[in-house]
C-alpha atoms as a PDB file:
ATOM      1  CA  UNK A   1     -10.232  29.108   5.566  1.00  0.00           C
ATOM      2  CA  UNK A   2     -13.205  30.712   7.240  1.00  0.00           C
ATOM      3  CA  UNK A   3     -14.234  28.961  10.481  1.00  0.00           C
ATOM      4  CA  UNK A   4     -17.939  28.861   9.535  1.00  0.00           C
ATOM      5  CA  UNK A   5     -17.161  27.275   6.151  1.00  0.00           C
ATOM      6  CA  UNK A   6     -15.049  24.593   7.837  1.00  0.00           C
ATOM      7  CA  UNK A   7     -17.864  23.861  10.290  1.00  0.00           C
ATOM      8  CA  UNK A   8     -20.354  23.437   7.420  1.00  0.00           C
ATOM      9  CA  UNK A   9     -17.958  21.171   5.518  1.00  0.00           C
ATOM     10  CA  UNK A  10     -17.626  19.011   8.635  1.00  0.00           C
ATOM     11  CA  UNK A  11     -21.422  18.924   8.976  1.00  0.00           C
ATOM     12  CA  UNK A  12     -21.740  17.817   5.347  1.00  0.00           C
ATOM     13  CA  UNK A  13     -19.121  15.118   5.919  1.00  0.00           C
ATOM     14  CA  UNK A  14     -21.085  13.776   8.886  1.00  0.00           C
ATOM     15  CA  UNK A  15     -24.343  13.712   6.900  1.00  0.00           C
ATOM     16  CA  UNK A  16     -22.637  11.930   4.017  1.00  0.00           C
ATOM     17  CA  UNK A  17     -21.254   9.287   6.389  1.00  0.00           C
ATOM     18  CA  UNK A  18     -24.729   8.732   7.813  1.00  0.00           C
ATOM     19  CA  UNK A  19     -26.707   8.742   4.575  1.00  0.00           C
ATOM     20  CA  UNK A  20     -24.530   7.267   1.828  1.00  0.00           C
ATOM     21  CA  UNK A  21     -24.262   3.503   1.348  1.00  0.00           C
ATOM     22  CA  UNK A  22     -21.111   1.636   2.341  1.00  0.00           C
ATOM     23  CA  UNK A  23     -20.009   1.459  -1.303  1.00  0.00           C
ATOM     24  CA  UNK A  24     -19.635   5.253  -1.629  1.00  0.00           C
ATOM     25  CA  UNK A  25     -15.932   6.010  -1.872  1.00  0.00           C
ATOM     26  CA  UNK A  26     -15.819   9.568  -3.211  1.00  0.00           C
ATOM     27  CA  UNK A  27     -18.012  12.668  -3.021  1.00  0.00           C
ATOM     28  CA  UNK A  28     -17.062  15.642  -5.173  1.00  0.00           C
ATOM     29  CA  UNK A  29     -18.679  19.064  -4.894  1.00  0.00           C
ATOM     30  CA  UNK A  30     -18.088  21.971  -7.258  1.00  0.00           C
ATOM     31  CA  UNK A  31     -19.480  25.419  -6.616  1.00  0.00           C
ATOM     32  CA  UNK A  32     -18.920  28.375  -8.888  1.00  0.00           C
ATOM     33  CA  UNK A  33     -20.649  31.667  -9.605  1.00  0.00           C
ATOM     34  CA  UNK A  34     -23.432  30.113 -11.657  1.00  0.00           C
ATOM     35  CA  UNK A  35     -23.959  26.527 -10.524  1.00  0.00           C
ATOM     36  CA  UNK A  36     -23.469  23.765  -8.002  1.00  0.00           C
ATOM     37  CA  UNK A  37     -22.700  20.224  -9.083  1.00  0.00           C
ATOM     38  CA  UNK A  38     -21.824  17.044  -7.279  1.00  0.00           C
ATOM     39  CA  UNK A  39     -20.713  13.534  -8.124  1.00  0.00           C
ATOM     40  CA  UNK A  40     -20.657  10.389  -6.006  1.00  0.00           C
ATOM     41  CA  UNK A  41     -18.449   7.436  -6.904  1.00  0.00           C
ATOM     42  CA  UNK A  42     -19.444   3.969  -5.764  1.00  0.00           C
ATOM     43  CA  UNK A  43     -17.196   0.904  -5.781  1.00  0.00           C
ATOM     44  CA  UNK A  44     -17.972  -2.644  -4.781  1.00  0.00           C
ATOM     45  CA  UNK A  45     -15.456  -4.919  -3.127  1.00  0.00           C
ATOM     46  CA  UNK A  46     -15.239  -6.870  -6.387  1.00  0.00           C
ATOM     47  CA  UNK A  47     -14.390  -3.758  -8.378  1.00  0.00           C
ATOM     48  CA  UNK A  48     -11.692  -2.799  -5.909  1.00  0.00           C
ATOM     49  CA  UNK A  49     -10.169  -6.283  -6.047  1.00  0.00           C
ATOM     50  CA  UNK A  50     -10.070  -6.184  -9.848  1.00  0.00           C
ATOM     51  CA  UNK A  51      -8.315  -2.813  -9.674  1.00  0.00           C
ATOM     52  CA  UNK A  52      -5.964  -4.069  -6.921  1.00  0.00           C
ATOM     53  CA  UNK A  53      -7.048  -1.184  -4.724  1.00  0.00           C
ATOM     54  CA  UNK A  54      -7.591  -1.299  -0.986  1.00  0.00           C
ATOM     55  CA  UNK A  55      -9.927   1.574  -0.330  1.00  0.00           C
ATOM     56  CA  UNK A  56     -12.001   3.067   2.441  1.00  0.00           C
ATOM     57  CA  UNK A  57     -15.550   4.273   2.003  1.00  0.00           C
ATOM     58  CA  UNK A  58     -16.828   7.702   3.010  1.00  0.00           C
ATOM     59  CA  UNK A  59     -17.332   6.384   6.555  1.00  0.00           C
ATOM     60  CA  UNK A  60     -13.630   5.482   6.784  1.00  0.00           C
ATOM     61  CA  UNK A  61     -14.316   1.737   6.764  1.00  0.00           C
ATOM     62  CA  UNK A  62     -12.375  -0.624   4.533  1.00  0.00           C
ATOM     63  CA  UNK A  63     -14.456  -2.111   1.752  1.00  0.00           C
ATOM     64  CA  UNK A  64     -13.618  -5.780   1.824  1.00  0.00           C
END
């Protein structure tokens, strides 16, 4: 992949880690010829326990 694109993706990742709450576990971005869309998934510790999932947030921290 293009070096500049990878740099921008890494920049976006850093901004997401800084700005999203600790319950954000997934950020999806879709870009096509006519639109840009994004989705953020949030999970609380209680939701993860009910689903029997041990998961990290966007920051890489375990949600306990």
